[in-house]
PDB file of N, CA and C in Angstrom:
ATOM      1  N   MET A   1     107.097 150.199 142.600  1.00  0.00           N
ATOM      2  CA  MET A   1     107.896 149.903 141.455  1.00  0.00           C
ATOM      3  C   MET A   1     107.162 149.025 140.516  1.00  0.00           C
ATOM      4  N   ASN A   2     107.211 149.394 139.253  1.00  0.00           N
ATOM      5  CA  ASN A   2     106.411 148.693 138.188  1.00  0.00           C
ATOM      6  C   ASN A   2     107.259 148.405 136.934  1.00  0.00           C
ATOM      7  N   PHE A   3     106.746 147.380 136.220  1.00  0.00           N
ATOM      8  CA  PHE A   3     107.391 147.091 134.883  1.00  0.00           C
ATOM      9  C   PHE A   3     106.240 146.838 133.901  1.00  0.00           C
ATOM     10  N   ILE A   4     106.557 146.844 132.660  1.00  0.00           N
ATOM     11  CA  ILE A   4     105.556 146.503 131.618  1.00  0.00           C
ATOM     12  C   ILE A   4     105.801 145.105 131.111  1.00  0.00           C
ATOM     13  N   LEU A   5     104.746 144.362 131.089  1.00  0.00           N
ATOM     14  CA  LEU A   5     104.817 143.009 130.609  1.00  0.00           C
ATOM     15  C   LEU A   5     104.101 142.882 129.252  1.00  0.00           C
ATOM     16  N   LYS A   6     104.743 142.334 128.224  1.00  0.00           N
ATOM     17  CA  LYS A   6     104.204 142.061 126.910  1.00  0.00           C
ATOM     18  C   LYS A   6     104.306 140.624 126.627  1.00  0.00           C
ATOM     19  N   PHE A   7     103.142 139.918 126.440  1.00  0.00           N
ATOM     20  CA  PHE A   7     103.051 138.524 126.103  1.00  0.00           C
ATOM     21  C   PHE A   7     101.821 138.204 125.450  1.00  0.00           C
ATOM     22  N   LYS A   8     101.846 137.721 124.209  1.00  0.00           N
ATOM     23  CA  LYS A   8     100.684 137.382 123.419  1.00  0.00           C
ATOM     24  C   LYS A   8      99.736 138.687 123.442  1.00  0.00           C
ATOM     25  N   ASP A   9      98.586 138.561 123.931  1.00  0.00           N
ATOM     26  CA  ASP A   9      97.683 139.679 123.976  1.00  0.00           C
ATOM     27  C   ASP A   9      97.788 140.595 125.226  1.00  0.00           C
ATOM     28  N   ILE A  10      98.686 140.268 126.066  1.00  0.00           N
ATOM     29  CA  ILE A  10      98.929 141.071 127.281  1.00  0.00           C
ATOM     30  C   ILE A  10      99.901 142.249 127.009  1.00  0.00           C
ATOM     31  N   ASP A  11      99.538 143.364 127.401  1.00  0.00           N
ATOM     32  CA  ASP A  11     100.364 144.545 127.350  1.00  0.00           C
ATOM     33  C   ASP A  11      99.927 145.418 128.551  1.00  0.00           C
ATOM     34  N   GLU A  12     100.590 145.160 129.714  1.00  0.00           N
ATOM     35  CA  GLU A  12     100.048 145.724 130.921  1.00  0.00           C
ATOM     36  C   GLU A  12     101.276 146.098 131.826  1.00  0.00           C
ATOM     37  N   GLN A  13     100.926 147.063 132.717  1.00  0.00           N
ATOM     38  CA  GLN A  13     101.914 147.380 133.722  1.00  0.00           C
ATOM     39  C   GLN A  13     101.607 146.499 134.920  1.00  0.00           C
ATOM     40  N   ARG A  14     102.756 146.015 135.532  1.00  0.00           N
ATOM     41  CA  ARG A  14     102.656 145.119 136.773  1.00  0.00           C
ATOM     42  C   ARG A  14     103.527 145.646 137.854  1.00  0.00           C
ATOM     43  N   GLU A  15     103.183 145.283 139.044  1.00  0.00           N
ATOM     44  CA  GLU A  15     103.991 145.709 140.195  1.00  0.00           C
ATOM     45  C   GLU A  15     105.166 144.652 140.363  1.00  0.00           C
ATOM     46  N   ILE A  16     106.267 145.133 140.697  1.00  0.00           N
ATOM     47  CA  ILE A  16     107.436 144.297 141.056  1.00  0.00           C
ATOM     48  C   ILE A  16     107.214 143.827 142.503  1.00  0.00           C
ATOM     49  N   PRO A  17     107.002 142.491 142.721  1.00  0.00           N
ATOM     50  CA  PRO A  17     106.610 142.049 144.084  1.00  0.00           C
ATOM     51  C   PRO A  17     107.634 142.158 145.160  1.00  0.00           C
ATOM     52  N   HIS A  18     108.884 142.145 144.750  1.00  0.00           N
ATOM     53  CA  HIS A  18     109.947 142.256 145.735  1.00  0.00           C
ATOM     54  C   HIS A  18     111.276 142.586 145.036  1.00  0.00           C
ATOM     55  N   GLU A  19     112.235 143.034 145.893  1.00  0.00           N
ATOM     56  CA  GLU A  19     113.548 143.344 145.326  1.00  0.00           C
ATOM     57  C   GLU A  19     114.150 142.069 144.725  1.00  0.00           C
ATOM     58  N   ASN A  20     115.045 142.239 143.695  1.00  0.00           N
ATOM     59  CA  ASN A  20     115.717 141.175 143.048  1.00  0.00           C
ATOM     60  C   ASN A  20     114.783 140.199 142.312  1.00  0.00           C
ATOM     61  N   TYR A  21     113.668 140.688 141.916  1.00  0.00           N
ATOM     62  CA  TYR A  21     112.682 139.842 141.148  1.00  0.00           C
ATOM     63  C   TYR A  21     113.263 139.561 139.726  1.00  0.00           C
ATOM     64  N   THR A  22     113.195 138.289 139.390  1.00  0.00           N
ATOM     65  CA  THR A  22     113.887 137.874 138.194  1.00  0.00           C
ATOM     66  C   THR A  22     112.803 137.462 137.092  1.00  0.00           C
ATOM     67  N   ILE A  23     113.341 137.290 135.899  1.00  0.00           N
ATOM     68  CA  ILE A  23     112.538 136.813 134.767  1.00  0.00           C
ATOM     69  C   ILE A  23     112.077 135.384 135.086  1.00  0.00           C
ATOM     70  N   ASP A  24     112.929 134.636 135.737  1.00  0.00           N
ATOM     71  CA  ASP A  24     112.573 133.162 136.133  1.00  0.00           C
ATOM     72  C   ASP A  24     111.397 133.255 137.058  1.00  0.00           C
ATOM     73  N   GLU A  25     111.436 134.098 138.014  1.00  0.00           N
ATOM     74  CA  GLU A  25     110.234 134.150 138.941  1.00  0.00           C
ATOM     75  C   GLU A  25     108.982 134.606 138.242  1.00  0.00           C
ATOM     76  N   LEU A  26     109.108 135.608 137.343  1.00  0.00           N
ATOM     77  CA  LEU A  26     107.943 135.970 136.573  1.00  0.00           C
ATOM     78  C   LEU A  26     107.360 134.819 135.741  1.00  0.00           C
ATOM     79  N   LEU A  27     108.261 134.065 135.108  1.00  0.00           N
ATOM     80  CA  LEU A  27     107.751 132.923 134.379  1.00  0.00           C
ATOM     81  C   LEU A  27     107.024 131.904 135.280  1.00  0.00           C
ATOM     82  N   LYS A  28     107.599 131.692 136.476  1.00  0.00           N
ATOM     83  CA  LYS A  28     106.946 130.759 137.409  1.00  0.00           C
ATOM     84  C   LYS A  28     105.519 131.361 137.866  1.00  0.00           C
ATOM     85  N   ASP A  29     105.490 132.668 138.057  1.00  0.00           N
ATOM     86  CA  ASP A  29     104.240 133.271 138.512  1.00  0.00           C
ATOM     87  C   ASP A  29     103.160 133.164 137.410  1.00  0.00           C
ATOM     88  N   LEU A  30     103.650 133.127 136.124  1.00  0.00           N
ATOM     89  CA  LEU A  30     102.751 132.975 134.988  1.00  0.00           C
ATOM     90  C   LEU A  30     102.519 131.528 134.572  1.00  0.00           C
ATOM     91  N   ASN A  31     103.097 130.611 135.293  1.00  0.00           N
ATOM     92  CA  ASN A  31     103.032 129.185 134.961  1.00  0.00           C
ATOM     93  C   ASN A  31     103.537 128.845 133.544  1.00  0.00           C
ATOM     94  N   LEU A  32     104.654 129.490 133.205  1.00  0.00           N
ATOM     95  CA  LEU A  32     105.291 129.287 131.890  1.00  0.00           C
ATOM     96  C   LEU A  32     106.622 128.657 132.107  1.00  0.00           C
ATOM     97  N   SER A  33     107.054 127.835 131.113  1.00  0.00           N
ATOM     98  CA  SER A  33     108.345 127.206 131.169  1.00  0.00           C
ATOM     99  C   SER A  33     109.399 127.912 130.371  1.00  0.00           C
ATOM    100  N   SER A  34     110.592 128.085 130.958  1.00  0.00           N
ATOM    101  CA  SER A  34     111.639 128.772 130.257  1.00  0.00           C
ATOM    102  C   SER A  34     112.092 127.948 129.004  1.00  0.00           C
ATOM    103  N   GLN A  35     111.702 126.698 128.909  1.00  0.00           N
ATOM    104  CA  GLN A  35     111.970 125.905 127.758  1.00  0.00           C
ATOM    105  C   GLN A  35     111.216 126.285 126.526  1.00  0.00           C
ATOM    106  N   ASN A  36     110.093 126.938 126.703  1.00  0.00           N
ATOM    107  CA  ASN A  36     109.219 127.344 125.618  1.00  0.00           C
ATOM    108  C   ASN A  36     109.180 128.934 125.423  1.00  0.00           C
ATOM    109  N   ILE A  37     109.942 129.633 126.203  1.00  0.00           N
ATOM    110  CA  ILE A  37     109.815 131.095 126.226  1.00  0.00           C
ATOM    111  C   ILE A  37     111.158 131.726 125.939  1.00  0.00           C
ATOM    112  N   VAL A  38     111.240 132.732 125.082  1.00  0.00           N
ATOM    113  CA  VAL A  38     112.454 133.576 124.980  1.00  0.00           C
ATOM    114  C   VAL A  38     112.120 134.907 125.714  1.00  0.00           C
ATOM    115  N   SER A  39     113.010 135.417 126.454  1.00  0.00           N
ATOM    116  CA  SER A  39     112.734 136.638 127.223  1.00  0.00           C
ATOM    117  C   SER A  39     113.607 137.736 126.750  1.00  0.00           C
ATOM    118  N   LYS A  40     112.949 138.925 126.598  1.00  0.00           N
ATOM    119  CA  LYS A  40     113.638 140.147 126.214  1.00  0.00           C
ATOM    120  C   LYS A  40     113.392 141.205 127.324  1.00  0.00           C
ATOM    121  N   LEU A  41     114.421 141.837 127.724  1.00  0.00           N
ATOM    122  CA  LEU A  41     114.365 142.906 128.720  1.00  0.00           C
ATOM    123  C   LEU A  41     114.757 144.194 128.072  1.00  0.00           C
ATOM    124  N   ASN A  42     113.903 145.146 127.952  1.00  0.00           N
ATOM    125  CA  ASN A  42     114.210 146.421 127.307  1.00  0.00           C
ATOM    126  C   ASN A  42     114.773 146.254 125.831  1.00  0.00           C
ATOM    127  N   GLY A  43     114.251 145.209 125.152  1.00  0.00           N
ATOM    128  CA  GLY A  43     114.585 144.996 123.788  1.00  0.00           C
ATOM    129  C   GLY A  43     115.763 144.091 123.583  1.00  0.00           C
ATOM    130  N   GLU A  44     116.396 143.613 124.650  1.00  0.00           N
ATOM    131  CA  GLU A  44     117.629 142.822 124.574  1.00  0.00           C
ATOM    132  C   GLU A  44     117.289 141.387 125.106  1.00  0.00           C
ATOM    133  N   LEU A  45     117.764 140.356 124.329  1.00  0.00           N
ATOM    134  CA  LEU A  45     117.580 138.996 124.843  1.00  0.00           C
ATOM    135  C   LEU A  45     118.324 138.806 126.190  1.00  0.00           C
ATOM    136  N   VAL A  46     117.699 138.166 127.095  1.00  0.00           N
ATOM    137  CA  VAL A  46     118.318 138.002 128.411  1.00  0.00           C
ATOM    138  C   VAL A  46     118.074 136.575 128.899  1.00  0.00           C
ATOM    139  N   ILE A  47     118.819 136.202 129.952  1.00  0.00           N
ATOM    140  CA  ILE A  47     118.722 134.903 130.643  1.00  0.00           C
ATOM    141  C   ILE A  47     117.669 135.076 131.737  1.00  0.00           C
ATOM    142  N   GLU A  48     117.196 133.952 132.228  1.00  0.00           N
ATOM    143  CA  GLU A  48     116.141 133.980 133.226  1.00  0.00           C
ATOM    144  C   GLU A  48     116.535 134.576 134.544  1.00  0.00           C
ATOM    145  N   GLU A  49     117.883 134.603 134.837  1.00  0.00           N
ATOM    146  CA  GLU A  49     118.287 135.088 136.095  1.00  0.00           C
ATOM    147  C   GLU A  49     118.402 136.666 136.080  1.00  0.00           C
ATOM    148  N   SER A  50     118.119 137.193 135.016  1.00  0.00           N
ATOM    149  CA  SER A  50     118.173 138.749 134.891  1.00  0.00           C
ATOM    150  C   SER A  50     117.044 139.310 135.805  1.00  0.00           C
ATOM    151  N   GLU A  51     117.433 140.390 136.480  1.00  0.00           N
ATOM    152  CA  GLU A  51     116.510 141.006 137.422  1.00  0.00           C
ATOM    153  C   GLU A  51     115.687 142.082 136.724  1.00  0.00           C
ATOM    154  N   ILE A  52     114.465 142.200 137.115  1.00  0.00           N
ATOM    155  CA  ILE A  52     113.539 143.248 136.547  1.00  0.00           C
ATOM    156  C   ILE A  52     113.521 144.441 137.510  1.00  0.00           C
ATOM    157  N   HIS A  53     113.783 145.614 136.869  1.00  0.00           N
ATOM    158  CA  HIS A  53     113.826 146.856 137.683  1.00  0.00           C
ATOM    159  C   HIS A  53     112.659 147.784 137.233  1.00  0.00           C
ATOM    160  N   ASN A  54     112.554 148.837 138.027  1.00  0.00           N
ATOM    161  CA  ASN A  54     111.481 149.862 137.835  1.00  0.00           C
ATOM    162  C   ASN A  54     111.463 150.327 136.407  1.00  0.00           C
ATOM    163  N   ASN A  55     110.356 150.398 135.737  1.00  0.00           N
ATOM    164  CA  ASN A  55     110.163 150.905 134.421  1.00  0.00           C
ATOM    165  C   ASN A  55     110.761 150.078 133.308  1.00  0.00           C
ATOM    166  N   ASP A  56     111.209 148.831 133.684  1.00  0.00           N
ATOM    167  CA  ASP A  56     111.649 147.883 132.644  1.00  0.00           C
ATOM    168  C   ASP A  56     110.498 147.442 131.703  1.00  0.00           C
ATOM    169  N   GLU A  57     110.812 147.032 130.525  1.00  0.00           N
ATOM    170  CA  GLU A  57     109.821 146.337 129.655  1.00  0.00           C
ATOM    171  C   GLU A  57     110.242 144.927 129.430  1.00  0.00           C
ATOM    172  N   VAL A  58     109.399 144.001 129.836  1.00  0.00           N
ATOM    173  CA  VAL A  58     109.708 142.641 129.659  1.00  0.00           C
ATOM    174  C   VAL A  58     108.814 142.045 128.524  1.00  0.00           C
ATOM    175  N   GLN A  59     109.430 141.510 127.535  1.00  0.00           N
ATOM    176  CA  GLN A  59     108.626 140.811 126.490  1.00  0.00           C
ATOM    177  C   GLN A  59     108.963 139.383 126.523  1.00  0.00           C
ATOM    178  N   LEU A  60     107.894 138.580 126.537  1.00  0.00           N
ATOM    179  CA  LEU A  60     108.036 137.145 126.484  1.00  0.00           C
ATOM    180  C   LEU A  60     107.442 136.576 125.167  1.00  0.00           C
ATOM    181  N   ILE A  61     108.324 135.803 124.552  1.00  0.00           N
ATOM    182  CA  ILE A  61     108.025 135.262 123.162  1.00  0.00           C
ATOM    183  C   ILE A  61     108.020 133.786 123.288  1.00  0.00           C
ATOM    184  N   GLN A  62     106.795 133.204 122.908  1.00  0.00           N
ATOM    185  CA  GLN A  62     106.652 131.734 122.983  1.00  0.00           C
ATOM    186  C   GLN A  62     107.268 131.159 121.728  1.00  0.00           C
ATOM    187  N   ILE A  63     108.051 130.067 121.914  1.00  0.00           N
ATOM    188  CA  ILE A  63     108.743 129.396 120.861  1.00  0.00           C
ATOM    189  C   ILE A  63     107.760 128.313 120.334  1.00  0.00           C
ATOM    190  N   ILE A  64     107.590 128.293 119.055  1.00  0.00           N
ATOM    191  CA  ILE A  64     106.682 127.256 118.459  1.00  0.00           C
ATOM    192  C   ILE A  64     107.613 126.208 117.771  1.00  0.00           C
ATOM    193  N   TYR A  65     107.489 125.001 118.158  1.00  0.00           N
ATOM    194  CA  TYR A  65     108.156 123.899 117.569  1.00  0.00           C
ATOM    195  C   TYR A  65     107.330 123.223 116.516  1.00  0.00           C
ATOM    196  N   GLY A  66     107.934 122.782 115.434  1.00  0.00           N
ATOM    197  CA  GLY A  66     107.197 122.072 114.395  1.00  0.00           C
ATOM    198  C   GLY A  66     108.045 121.133 113.600  1.00  0.00           C
ATOM    199  N   GLY A  67     107.485 120.356 112.831  1.00  0.00           N
ATOM    200  CA  GLY A  67     108.269 119.473 112.010  1.00  0.00           C
ATOM    201  C   GLY A  67     107.855 119.420 110.597  1.00  0.00           C
TER     202      GLY A  67
END
């Protein structure tokens, strides 16, 4: 089972490592913080507890803070 990951220059198909794999686990695997990332699953904004399923598209958007 696979999903598509889009983040910055990454646009690749990845394997889902186990059942009930979540956005939060993906962020941890990529060493990213949910405080700096907005997650979209199949085009919809989602929370980190959302599960990734076969053929899903996950887009991670980095939030840029400034003053």
